[in-house]
Amino acid sequence: MPEDAQLPQGLIGPNAILQLLPVLDQATGREGRDRLLAQAGRRTADYILAHRIPQPAQRLLKHLPAPVAAWALSRAIATHAWTFAGSGQFHRDSPWRFAIANNPLVRGENSSTPRCHWHAAVFGHLYATLVHPSCRCVETECAAQTGNGPCRFTLFRVA
């Protein structure tokens, strides 16, 4: 990029976020970091709802049957996958299942439990707001647990 080229305002590279994770670990421990990331994920979803998904589209999604709304929302998420996956590879397995291969948020980490609390919070809050209030998201497989492979997320409705 030429030196005099201007970048759009409001952009931040994913490396800035990645450098924050070790600092959070040191300041609050992994459990504290996980809690902060879950709060940040919910706020990210709130931002997306306030600034990225037009109100008429939100009203429409809320009035559709949950399976149809999930299909439409998951397509929109896949279309804007860079927002969620950064340099990773996002895959929509179904309207209720996503995968992120080479997830930059956990690249190189080792854990006995899932670590992608930010992603689960973003997806869960978007679905609970736009598909059905009882929707939740869980990370069913994490690259930090397996050492390779994608991080997998499942959305579901609780009874």
Foldseek 3Di string as FASTA:
>chain_A
DDPPDDDDPPDDAVVVVLVVVVVQCVVPNLVSSLVVLLVVLLVVLVCCVVPPQDPVNLVVLQPDALQVSLQVVQVVCQVVVCVPQVPWDWDDPGSFKIWTFPRSNQVPAADCDARNSSNQNNVQNNSCRRRHVQKGKDFPDHCNHVVGDITMMGIDGDD
